[in-house]
Amino acid sequence: MKRILIIAVVLAGILYLADLVSVRFRIPARDTFGTVTVHTYYVVKLKNGRTEYDYAGDHDISCSNSVFPQFRVKPCWYARRHTEEQIKIDSGTPNNPRLF
C-alpha cells in the first residue's frame, strides 16, 4: 500500500512540474493567461431572518491556461465553470446585537 501511495505522489509531482514548465515556456505555443468574466452578488442576511441578494456587477479575473493553478491564479477550465461569486454579509441577529 505504501508503494502505491508513493508512486501516486511522485506521479502527481511530475505532472505538476510538467504543467509548470508548459505554462512557463509556452509549450505548445499558446497564450499563458486568459480572462473570465465573473458575476458578483452580495448575499445579505437581514436581522429579520430573510436573505437579500444584490447584484454587484461583473468583473474580469485572470486565469492560467493550465491543468493546475499556476502563478497564483486559477486554471481557466475551473474559472469558466465558476462564474458566479457571492460575497456574504451578515447584519447580525436580533437576539445578540453587537455595537462593534
PDB file of N, CA and C in Angstrom:
ATOM      1  N   MET A   1       0.823  -1.193   0.000  1.00  0.00           N
ATOM      2  CA  MET A   1       0.000   0.000   0.000  1.00  0.00           C
ATOM      3  C   MET A   1       0.874   1.267   0.000  1.00  0.00           C
ATOM      4  N   LYS A   2       1.969   1.238   0.769  1.00  0.00           N
ATOM      5  CA  LYS A   2       2.860   2.395   0.817  1.00  0.00           C
ATOM      6  C   LYS A   2       3.481   2.659  -0.551  1.00  0.00           C
ATOM      7  N   ARG A   3       3.830   1.607  -1.242  1.00  0.00           N
ATOM      8  CA  ARG A   3       4.457   1.743  -2.552  1.00  0.00           C
ATOM      9  C   ARG A   3       3.522   2.420  -3.539  1.00  0.00           C
ATOM     10  N   ILE A   4       2.251   2.051  -3.516  1.00  0.00           N
ATOM     11  CA  ILE A   4       1.261   2.658  -4.414  1.00  0.00           C
ATOM     12  C   ILE A   4       1.074   4.130  -4.080  1.00  0.00           C
ATOM     13  N   LEU A   5       1.028   4.454  -2.797  1.00  0.00           N
ATOM     14  CA  LEU A   5       0.876   5.846  -2.379  1.00  0.00           C
ATOM     15  C   LEU A   5       2.088   6.684  -2.794  1.00  0.00           C
ATOM     16  N   ILE A   6       3.273   6.153  -2.622  1.00  0.00           N
ATOM     17  CA  ILE A   6       4.484   6.875  -3.015  1.00  0.00           C
ATOM     18  C   ILE A   6       4.520   7.089  -4.527  1.00  0.00           C
ATOM     19  N   ILE A   7       4.151   6.076  -5.290  1.00  0.00           N
ATOM     20  CA  ILE A   7       4.129   6.206  -6.754  1.00  0.00           C
ATOM     21  C   ILE A   7       3.113   7.253  -7.181  1.00  0.00           C
ATOM     22  N   ALA A   8       1.947   7.279  -6.525  1.00  0.00           N
ATOM     23  CA  ALA A   8       0.912   8.263  -6.867  1.00  0.00           C
ATOM     24  C   ALA A   8       1.386   9.685  -6.566  1.00  0.00           C
ATOM     25  N   VAL A   9       2.046   9.889  -5.440  1.00  0.00           N
ATOM     26  CA  VAL A   9       2.547  11.225  -5.078  1.00  0.00           C
ATOM     27  C   VAL A   9       3.641  11.667  -6.050  1.00  0.00           C
ATOM     28  N   VAL A  10       4.543  10.765  -6.407  1.00  0.00           N
ATOM     29  CA  VAL A  10       5.615  11.106  -7.346  1.00  0.00           C
ATOM     30  C   VAL A  10       5.039  11.439  -8.725  1.00  0.00           C
ATOM     31  N   LEU A  11       4.065  10.657  -9.184  1.00  0.00           N
ATOM     32  CA  LEU A  11       3.439  10.941 -10.490  1.00  0.00           C
ATOM     33  C   LEU A  11       2.701  12.280 -10.479  1.00  0.00           C
ATOM     34  N   ALA A  12       2.022  12.583  -9.375  1.00  0.00           N
ATOM     35  CA  ALA A  12       1.338  13.878  -9.276  1.00  0.00           C
ATOM     36  C   ALA A  12       2.346  15.023  -9.303  1.00  0.00           C
ATOM     37  N   GLY A  13       3.482  14.854  -8.629  1.00  0.00           N
ATOM     38  CA  GLY A  13       4.530  15.882  -8.649  1.00  0.00           C
ATOM     39  C   GLY A  13       5.118  16.084 -10.031  1.00  0.00           C
ATOM     40  N   ILE A  14       5.350  14.978 -10.738  1.00  0.00           N
ATOM     41  CA  ILE A  14       5.874  15.072 -12.106  1.00  0.00           C
ATOM     42  C   ILE A  14       4.876  15.763 -13.023  1.00  0.00           C
ATOM     43  N   LEU A  15       3.585  15.429 -12.875  1.00  0.00           N
ATOM     44  CA  LEU A  15       2.555  16.074 -13.693  1.00  0.00           C
ATOM     45  C   LEU A  15       2.472  17.569 -13.409  1.00  0.00           C
ATOM     46  N   TYR A  16       2.580  17.958 -12.121  1.00  0.00           N
ATOM     47  CA  TYR A  16       2.555  19.377 -11.769  1.00  0.00           C
ATOM     48  C   TYR A  16       3.760  20.108 -12.360  1.00  0.00           C
ATOM     49  N   LEU A  17       4.941  19.535 -12.246  1.00  0.00           N
ATOM     50  CA  LEU A  17       6.139  20.177 -12.803  1.00  0.00           C
ATOM     51  C   LEU A  17       6.075  20.274 -14.322  1.00  0.00           C
ATOM     52  N   ALA A  18       5.544  19.250 -14.987  1.00  0.00           N
ATOM     53  CA  ALA A  18       5.398  19.314 -16.443  1.00  0.00           C
ATOM     54  C   ALA A  18       4.412  20.418 -16.830  1.00  0.00           C
ATOM     55  N   ASP A  19       3.355  20.578 -16.048  1.00  0.00           N
ATOM     56  CA  ASP A  19       2.380  21.647 -16.306  1.00  0.00           C
ATOM     57  C   ASP A  19       3.027  23.013 -16.086  1.00  0.00           C
ATOM     58  N   LEU A  20       3.838  23.149 -15.048  1.00  0.00           N
ATOM     59  CA  LEU A  20       4.525  24.415 -14.780  1.00  0.00           C
ATOM     60  C   LEU A  20       5.485  24.769 -15.908  1.00  0.00           C
ATOM     61  N   VAL A  21       6.265  23.808 -16.387  1.00  0.00           N
ATOM     62  CA  VAL A  21       7.197  24.052 -17.492  1.00  0.00           C
ATOM     63  C   VAL A  21       6.426  24.408 -18.764  1.00  0.00           C
ATOM     64  N   SER A  22       5.289  23.745 -18.978  1.00  0.00           N
ATOM     65  CA  SER A  22       4.471  24.022 -20.153  1.00  0.00           C
ATOM     66  C   SER A  22       3.943  25.460 -20.144  1.00  0.00           C
ATOM     67  N   VAL A  23       3.506  25.922 -18.987  1.00  0.00           N
ATOM     68  CA  VAL A  23       2.993  27.300 -18.889  1.00  0.00           C
ATOM     69  C   VAL A  23       4.134  28.302 -18.971  1.00  0.00           C
ATOM     70  N   ARG A  24       5.228  28.015 -18.307  1.00  0.00           N
ATOM     71  CA  ARG A  24       6.340  28.963 -18.257  1.00  0.00           C
ATOM     72  C   ARG A  24       6.986  29.176 -19.620  1.00  0.00           C
ATOM     73  N   PHE A  25       7.175  28.109 -20.375  1.00  0.00           N
ATOM     74  CA  PHE A  25       7.863  28.218 -21.661  1.00  0.00           C
ATOM     75  C   PHE A  25       6.925  28.132 -22.864  1.00  0.00           C
ATOM     76  N   ARG A  26       5.619  28.199 -22.607  1.00  0.00           N
ATOM     77  CA  ARG A  26       4.582  28.187 -23.655  1.00  0.00           C
ATOM     78  C   ARG A  26       4.735  27.001 -24.608  1.00  0.00           C
ATOM     79  N   ILE A  27       4.762  25.828 -24.028  1.00  0.00           N
ATOM     80  CA  ILE A  27       4.831  24.595 -24.818  1.00  0.00           C
ATOM     81  C   ILE A  27       3.485  23.909 -24.692  1.00  0.00           C
ATOM     82  N   PRO A  28       2.715  23.718 -25.693  1.00  0.00           N
ATOM     83  CA  PRO A  28       2.823  24.195 -27.068  1.00  0.00           C
ATOM     84  C   PRO A  28       2.543  25.699 -27.132  1.00  0.00           C
ATOM     85  N   ALA A  29       2.782  26.292 -28.284  1.00  0.00           N
ATOM     86  CA  ALA A  29       2.629  27.737 -28.437  1.00  0.00           C
ATOM     87  C   ALA A  29       1.173  28.126 -28.216  1.00  0.00           C
ATOM     88  N   ARG A  30       0.934  28.872 -27.128  1.00  0.00           N
ATOM     89  CA  ARG A  30      -0.416  29.309 -26.765  1.00  0.00           C
ATOM     90  C   ARG A  30      -0.299  30.483 -25.811  1.00  0.00           C
ATOM     91  N   ASP A  31      -1.417  31.113 -25.535  1.00  0.00           N
ATOM     92  CA  ASP A  31      -1.427  32.183 -24.547  1.00  0.00           C
ATOM     93  C   ASP A  31      -1.285  31.571 -23.155  1.00  0.00           C
ATOM     94  N   THR A  32      -0.461  32.174 -22.336  1.00  0.00           N
ATOM     95  CA  THR A  32      -0.255  31.666 -20.987  1.00  0.00           C
ATOM     96  C   THR A  32      -1.442  31.983 -20.093  1.00  0.00           C
ATOM     97  N   PHE A  33      -2.003  33.186 -20.243  1.00  0.00           N
ATOM     98  CA  PHE A  33      -3.107  33.619 -19.396  1.00  0.00           C
ATOM     99  C   PHE A  33      -4.323  33.971 -20.236  1.00  0.00           C
ATOM    100  N   GLY A  34      -5.484  33.874 -19.619  1.00  0.00           N
ATOM    101  CA  GLY A  34      -6.734  34.270 -20.237  1.00  0.00           C
ATOM    102  C   GLY A  34      -7.553  35.064 -19.225  1.00  0.00           C
ATOM    103  N   THR A  35      -8.747  35.477 -19.617  1.00  0.00           N
ATOM    104  CA  THR A  35      -9.632  36.189 -18.702  1.00  0.00           C
ATOM    105  C   THR A  35     -11.015  35.557 -18.740  1.00  0.00           C
ATOM    106  N   VAL A  36     -11.694  35.644 -17.613  1.00  0.00           N
ATOM    107  CA  VAL A  36     -13.047  35.119 -17.479  1.00  0.00           C
ATOM    108  C   VAL A  36     -13.871  36.188 -16.776  1.00  0.00           C
ATOM    109  N   THR A  37     -15.084  36.438 -17.253  1.00  0.00           N
ATOM    110  CA  THR A  37     -15.978  37.401 -16.625  1.00  0.00           C
ATOM    111  C   THR A  37     -16.736  36.726 -15.493  1.00  0.00           C
ATOM    112  N   VAL A  38     -16.680  37.340 -14.308  1.00  0.00           N
ATOM    113  CA  VAL A  38     -17.322  36.798 -13.114  1.00  0.00           C
ATOM    114  C   VAL A  38     -18.448  37.736 -12.699  1.00  0.00           C
ATOM    115  N   HIS A  39     -19.613  37.172 -12.386  1.00  0.00           N
ATOM    116  CA  HIS A  39     -20.776  37.919 -11.924  1.00  0.00           C
ATOM    117  C   HIS A  39     -20.768  37.901 -10.393  1.00  0.00           C
ATOM    118  N   THR A  40     -20.813  39.084  -9.778  1.00  0.00           N
ATOM    119  CA  THR A  40     -20.701  39.196  -8.330  1.00  0.00           C
ATOM    120  C   THR A  40     -22.052  39.567  -7.722  1.00  0.00           C
ATOM    121  N   TYR A  41     -22.390  38.878  -6.634  1.00  0.00           N
ATOM    122  CA  TYR A  41     -23.627  39.128  -5.897  1.00  0.00           C
ATOM    123  C   TYR A  41     -23.294  39.295  -4.422  1.00  0.00           C
ATOM    124  N   TYR A  42     -24.017  40.224  -3.758  1.00  0.00           N
ATOM    125  CA  TYR A  42     -23.945  40.341  -2.310  1.00  0.00           C
ATOM    126  C   TYR A  42     -25.099  39.538  -1.732  1.00  0.00           C
ATOM    127  N   VAL A  43     -24.800  38.646  -0.802  1.00  0.00           N
ATOM    128  CA  VAL A  43     -25.821  37.870  -0.107  1.00  0.00           C
ATOM    129  C   VAL A  43     -25.897  38.443   1.300  1.00  0.00           C
ATOM    130  N   VAL A  44     -26.970  39.210   1.572  1.00  0.00           N
ATOM    131  CA  VAL A  44     -27.092  39.926   2.831  1.00  0.00           C
ATOM    132  C   VAL A  44     -28.136  39.222   3.692  1.00  0.00           C
ATOM    133  N   LYS A  45     -27.690  38.743   4.850  1.00  0.00           N
ATOM    134  CA  LYS A  45     -28.621  38.141   5.798  1.00  0.00           C
ATOM    135  C   LYS A  45     -29.159  39.259   6.683  1.00  0.00           C
ATOM    136  N   LEU A  46     -30.471  39.475   6.603  1.00  0.00           N
ATOM    137  CA  LEU A  46     -31.094  40.572   7.331  1.00  0.00           C
ATOM    138  C   LEU A  46     -31.416  40.153   8.759  1.00  0.00           C
ATOM    139  N   LYS A  47     -31.691  41.140   9.624  1.00  0.00           N
ATOM    140  CA  LYS A  47     -31.979  40.853  11.022  1.00  0.00           C
ATOM    141  C   LYS A  47     -33.295  40.104  11.210  1.00  0.00           C
ATOM    142  N   ASN A  48     -34.210  40.247  10.259  1.00  0.00           N
ATOM    143  CA  ASN A  48     -35.492  39.558  10.398  1.00  0.00           C
ATOM    144  C   ASN A  48     -35.425  38.105   9.924  1.00  0.00           C
ATOM    145  N   GLY A  49     -34.232  37.623   9.548  1.00  0.00           N
ATOM    146  CA  GLY A  49     -34.053  36.231   9.151  1.00  0.00           C
ATOM    147  C   GLY A  49     -34.109  35.996   7.650  1.00  0.00           C
ATOM    148  N   ARG A  50     -34.516  36.972   6.893  1.00  0.00           N
ATOM    149  CA  ARG A  50     -34.570  36.827   5.438  1.00  0.00           C
ATOM    150  C   ARG A  50     -33.204  37.086   4.820  1.00  0.00           C
ATOM    151  N   THR A  51     -33.068  36.659   3.590  1.00  0.00           N
ATOM    152  CA  THR A  51     -31.825  36.868   2.853  1.00  0.00           C
ATOM    153  C   THR A  51     -32.110  37.705   1.630  1.00  0.00           C
ATOM    154  N   GLU A  52     -31.279  38.704   1.404  1.00  0.00           N
ATOM    155  CA  GLU A  52     -31.434  39.600   0.264  1.00  0.00           C
ATOM    156  C   GLU A  52     -30.240  39.419  -0.667  1.00  0.00           C
ATOM    157  N   TYR A  53     -30.516  39.320  -1.961  1.00  0.00           N
ATOM    158  CA  TYR A  53     -29.474  39.154  -2.969  1.00  0.00           C
ATOM    159  C   TYR A  53     -29.377  40.437  -3.790  1.00  0.00           C
ATOM    160  N   ASP A  54     -28.200  41.045  -3.818  1.00  0.00           N
ATOM    161  CA  ASP A  54     -27.972  42.278  -4.562  1.00  0.00           C
ATOM    162  C   ASP A  54     -26.896  42.037  -5.613  1.00  0.00           C
ATOM    163  N   TYR A  55     -27.181  42.456  -6.837  1.00  0.00           N
ATOM    164  CA  TYR A  55     -26.226  42.305  -7.935  1.00  0.00           C
ATOM    165  C   TYR A  55     -25.177  43.397  -7.814  1.00  0.00           C
ATOM    166  N   ALA A  56     -23.892  43.015  -7.828  1.00  0.00           N
ATOM    167  CA  ALA A  56     -22.804  43.969  -7.646  1.00  0.00           C
ATOM    168  C   ALA A  56     -22.044  44.259  -8.927  1.00  0.00           C
ATOM    169  N   GLY A  57     -22.397  43.595 -10.030  1.00  0.00           N
ATOM    170  CA  GLY A  57     -21.735  43.873 -11.292  1.00  0.00           C
ATOM    171  C   GLY A  57     -20.828  42.742 -11.738  1.00  0.00           C
ATOM    172  N   ASP A  58     -20.197  42.970 -12.888  1.00  0.00           N
ATOM    173  CA  ASP A  58     -19.290  41.993 -13.471  1.00  0.00           C
ATOM    174  C   ASP A  58     -17.863  42.515 -13.399  1.00  0.00           C
ATOM    175  N   HIS A  59     -16.925  41.601 -13.302  1.00  0.00           N
ATOM    176  CA  HIS A  59     -15.517  41.967 -13.401  1.00  0.00           C
ATOM    177  C   HIS A  59     -14.760  40.796 -13.999  1.00  0.00           C
ATOM    178  N   ASP A  60     -13.627  41.106 -14.606  1.00  0.00           N
ATOM    179  CA  ASP A  60     -12.801  40.091 -15.245  1.00  0.00           C
ATOM    180  C   ASP A  60     -11.708  39.643 -14.291  1.00  0.00           C
ATOM    181  N   ILE A  61     -11.465  38.340 -14.267  1.00  0.00           N
ATOM    182  CA  ILE A  61     -10.349  37.802 -13.499  1.00  0.00           C
ATOM    183  C   ILE A  61      -9.398  37.130 -14.473  1.00  0.00           C
ATOM    184  N   SER A  62      -8.130  37.112 -14.125  1.00  0.00           N
ATOM    185  CA  SER A  62      -7.159  36.433 -14.986  1.00  0.00           C
ATOM    186  C   SER A  62      -7.048  34.975 -14.545  1.00  0.00           C
ATOM    187  N   CYS A  63      -6.748  34.125 -15.508  1.00  0.00           N
ATOM    188  CA  CYS A  63      -6.616  32.689 -15.242  1.00  0.00           C
ATOM    189  C   CYS A  63      -5.485  32.153 -16.112  1.00  0.00           C
ATOM    190  N   SER A  64      -4.939  31.012 -15.698  1.00  0.00           N
ATOM    191  CA  SER A  64      -3.850  30.412 -16.462  1.00  0.00           C
ATOM    192  C   SER A  64      -4.379  29.256 -17.294  1.00  0.00           C
ATOM    193  N   ASN A  65      -3.880  29.129 -18.503  1.00  0.00           N
ATOM    194  CA  ASN A  65      -4.263  28.029 -19.383  1.00  0.00           C
ATOM    195  C   ASN A  65      -3.419  26.814 -19.027  1.00  0.00           C
ATOM    196  N   SER A  66      -3.811  26.154 -17.944  1.00  0.00           N
ATOM    197  CA  SER A  66      -3.063  25.009 -17.446  1.00  0.00           C
ATOM    198  C   SER A  66      -4.016  24.053 -16.738  1.00  0.00           C
ATOM    199  N   VAL A  67      -3.480  22.937 -16.310  1.00  0.00           N
ATOM    200  CA  VAL A  67      -4.285  21.945 -15.604  1.00  0.00           C
ATOM    201  C   VAL A  67      -4.382  22.294 -14.126  1.00  0.00           C
ATOM    202  N   PHE A  68      -3.280  22.745 -13.537  1.00  0.00           N
ATOM    203  CA  PHE A  68      -3.219  23.098 -12.124  1.00  0.00           C
ATOM    204  C   PHE A  68      -3.115  24.611 -11.970  1.00  0.00           C
ATOM    205  N   PRO A  69      -3.439  25.146 -10.775  1.00  0.00           N
ATOM    206  CA  PRO A  69      -3.224  26.577 -10.549  1.00  0.00           C
ATOM    207  C   PRO A  69      -1.735  26.918 -10.670  1.00  0.00           C
ATOM    208  N   GLN A  70      -1.440  27.930 -11.456  1.00  0.00           N
ATOM    209  CA  GLN A  70      -0.054  28.366 -11.663  1.00  0.00           C
ATOM    210  C   GLN A  70       0.018  29.872 -11.473  1.00  0.00           C
ATOM    211  N   PHE A  71       1.117  30.356 -10.934  1.00  0.00           N
ATOM    212  CA  PHE A  71       1.371  31.784 -10.750  1.00  0.00           C
ATOM    213  C   PHE A  71       0.265  32.465  -9.948  1.00  0.00           C
ATOM    214  N   ARG A  72      -0.271  31.774  -8.951  1.00  0.00           N
ATOM    215  CA  ARG A  72      -1.277  32.283  -8.008  1.00  0.00           C
ATOM    216  C   ARG A  72      -2.609  32.634  -8.658  1.00  0.00           C
ATOM    217  N   VAL A  73      -2.944  32.045  -9.777  1.00  0.00           N
ATOM    218  CA  VAL A  73      -4.256  32.236 -10.389  1.00  0.00           C
ATOM    219  C   VAL A  73      -4.885  30.872 -10.675  1.00  0.00           C
ATOM    220  N   LYS A  74      -6.201  30.870 -10.754  1.00  0.00           N
ATOM    221  CA  LYS A  74      -6.931  29.635 -11.020  1.00  0.00           C
ATOM    222  C   LYS A  74      -6.727  29.208 -12.465  1.00  0.00           C
ATOM    223  N   PRO A  75      -6.851  27.922 -12.740  1.00  0.00           N
ATOM    224  CA  PRO A  75      -6.818  27.494 -14.139  1.00  0.00           C
ATOM    225  C   PRO A  75      -8.105  27.938 -14.848  1.00  0.00           C
ATOM    226  N   CYS A  76      -8.003  28.224 -16.151  1.00  0.00           N
ATOM    227  CA  CYS A  76      -9.156  28.739 -16.902  1.00  0.00           C
ATOM    228  C   CYS A  76     -10.298  27.733 -16.977  1.00  0.00           C
ATOM    229  N   TRP A  77      -9.992  26.429 -17.052  1.00  0.00           N
ATOM    230  CA  TRP A  77     -11.065  25.442 -17.135  1.00  0.00           C
ATOM    231  C   TRP A  77     -11.908  25.479 -15.858  1.00  0.00           C
ATOM    232  N   TYR A  78     -11.304  25.785 -14.713  1.00  0.00           N
ATOM    233  CA  TYR A  78     -12.034  25.871 -13.457  1.00  0.00           C
ATOM    234  C   TYR A  78     -12.788  27.195 -13.353  1.00  0.00           C
ATOM    235  N   ALA A  79     -12.142  28.285 -13.763  1.00  0.00           N
ATOM    236  CA  ALA A  79     -12.757  29.612 -13.661  1.00  0.00           C
ATOM    237  C   ALA A  79     -13.975  29.731 -14.580  1.00  0.00           C
ATOM    238  N   ARG A  80     -13.956  29.071 -15.746  1.00  0.00           N
ATOM    239  CA  ARG A  80     -15.104  29.129 -16.656  1.00  0.00           C
ATOM    240  C   ARG A  80     -16.318  28.404 -16.082  1.00  0.00           C
ATOM    241  N   ARG A  81     -16.094  27.437 -15.212  1.00  0.00           N
ATOM    242  CA  ARG A  81     -17.196  26.685 -14.609  1.00  0.00           C
ATOM    243  C   ARG A  81     -17.735  27.342 -13.339  1.00  0.00           C
ATOM    244  N   HIS A  82     -17.009  28.311 -12.791  1.00  0.00           N
ATOM    245  CA  HIS A  82     -17.420  29.003 -11.567  1.00  0.00           C
ATOM    246  C   HIS A  82     -17.450  30.511 -11.838  1.00  0.00           C
ATOM    247  N   THR A  83     -18.472  30.943 -12.558  1.00  0.00           N
ATOM    248  CA  THR A  83     -18.542  32.346 -12.983  1.00  0.00           C
ATOM    249  C   THR A  83     -19.389  33.214 -12.053  1.00  0.00           C
ATOM    250  N   GLU A  84     -19.896  32.663 -10.972  1.00  0.00           N
ATOM    251  CA  GLU A  84     -20.656  33.471 -10.015  1.00  0.00           C
ATOM    252  C   GLU A  84     -19.918  33.525  -8.694  1.00  0.00           C
ATOM    253  N   GLU A  85     -19.777  34.744  -8.171  1.00  0.00           N
ATOM    254  CA  GLU A  85     -19.090  34.964  -6.914  1.00  0.00           C
ATOM    255  C   GLU A  85     -20.082  35.570  -5.932  1.00  0.00           C
ATOM    256  N   GLN A  86     -20.179  34.989  -4.744  1.00  0.00           N
ATOM    257  CA  GLN A  86     -21.085  35.502  -3.730  1.00  0.00           C
ATOM    258  C   GLN A  86     -20.279  36.036  -2.558  1.00  0.00           C
ATOM    259  N   ILE A  87     -20.607  37.267  -2.165  1.00  0.00           N
ATOM    260  CA  ILE A  87     -19.979  37.879  -1.001  1.00  0.00           C
ATOM    261  C   ILE A  87     -21.027  37.916   0.087  1.00  0.00           C
ATOM    262  N   LYS A  88     -20.796  37.171   1.158  1.00  0.00           N
ATOM    263  CA  LYS A  88     -21.786  37.049   2.225  1.00  0.00           C
ATOM    264  C   LYS A  88     -21.584  38.137   3.259  1.00  0.00           C
ATOM    265  N   ILE A  89     -22.699  38.796   3.619  1.00  0.00           N
ATOM    266  CA  ILE A  89     -22.688  39.857   4.616  1.00  0.00           C
ATOM    267  C   ILE A  89     -23.753  39.510   5.646  1.00  0.00           C
ATOM    268  N   ASP A  90     -23.360  39.440   6.905  1.00  0.00           N
ATOM    269  CA  ASP A  90     -24.288  39.131   7.988  1.00  0.00           C
ATOM    270  C   ASP A  90     -24.524  40.402   8.774  1.00  0.00           C
ATOM    271  N   SER A  91     -25.762  40.850   8.844  1.00  0.00           N
ATOM    272  CA  SER A  91     -26.065  42.098   9.542  1.00  0.00           C
ATOM    273  C   SER A  91     -26.371  41.853  11.008  1.00  0.00           C
ATOM    274  N   GLY A  92     -26.128  40.673  11.507  1.00  0.00           N
ATOM    275  CA  GLY A  92     -26.316  40.397  12.932  1.00  0.00           C
ATOM    276  C   GLY A  92     -27.642  39.728  13.217  1.00  0.00           C
ATOM    277  N   THR A  93     -27.795  39.276  14.421  1.00  0.00           N
ATOM    278  CA  THR A  93     -29.049  38.657  14.847  1.00  0.00           C
ATOM    279  C   THR A  93     -29.705  39.545  15.862  1.00  0.00           C
ATOM    280  N   PRO A  94     -31.034  39.600  15.913  1.00  0.00           N
ATOM    281  CA  PRO A  94     -31.701  40.495  16.859  1.00  0.00           C
ATOM    282  C   PRO A  94     -31.518  40.047  18.306  1.00  0.00           C
ATOM    283  N   ASN A  95     -31.228  38.770  18.552  1.00  0.00           N
ATOM    284  CA  ASN A  95     -31.073  38.288  19.925  1.00  0.00           C
ATOM    285  C   ASN A  95     -29.677  38.542  20.483  1.00  0.00           C
ATOM    286  N   ASN A  96     -28.717  38.801  19.623  1.00  0.00           N
ATOM    287  CA  ASN A  96     -27.343  39.021  20.059  1.00  0.00           C
ATOM    288  C   ASN A  96     -26.752  40.236  19.340  1.00  0.00           C
ATOM    289  N   PRO A  97     -27.233  41.431  19.630  1.00  0.00           N
ATOM    290  CA  PRO A  97     -26.725  42.606  18.910  1.00  0.00           C
ATOM    291  C   PRO A  97     -25.318  42.971  19.387  1.00  0.00           C
ATOM    292  N   ARG A  98     -24.509  43.462  18.450  1.00  0.00           N
ATOM    293  CA  ARG A  98     -23.163  43.927  18.775  1.00  0.00           C
ATOM    294  C   ARG A  98     -23.012  45.365  18.306  1.00  0.00           C
ATOM    295  N   LEU A  99     -22.322  46.146  19.095  1.00  0.00           N
ATOM    296  CA  LEU A  99     -22.081  47.535  18.707  1.00  0.00           C
ATOM    297  C   LEU A  99     -20.851  47.647  17.832  1.00  0.00           C
ATOM    298  N   PHE A 100     -19.843  46.829  18.058  1.00  0.00           N
ATOM    299  CA  PHE A 100     -18.607  46.916  17.311  1.00  0.00           C
ATOM    300  C   PHE A 100     -18.272  45.589  16.694  1.00  0.00           C
TER     301      PHE A 100
END
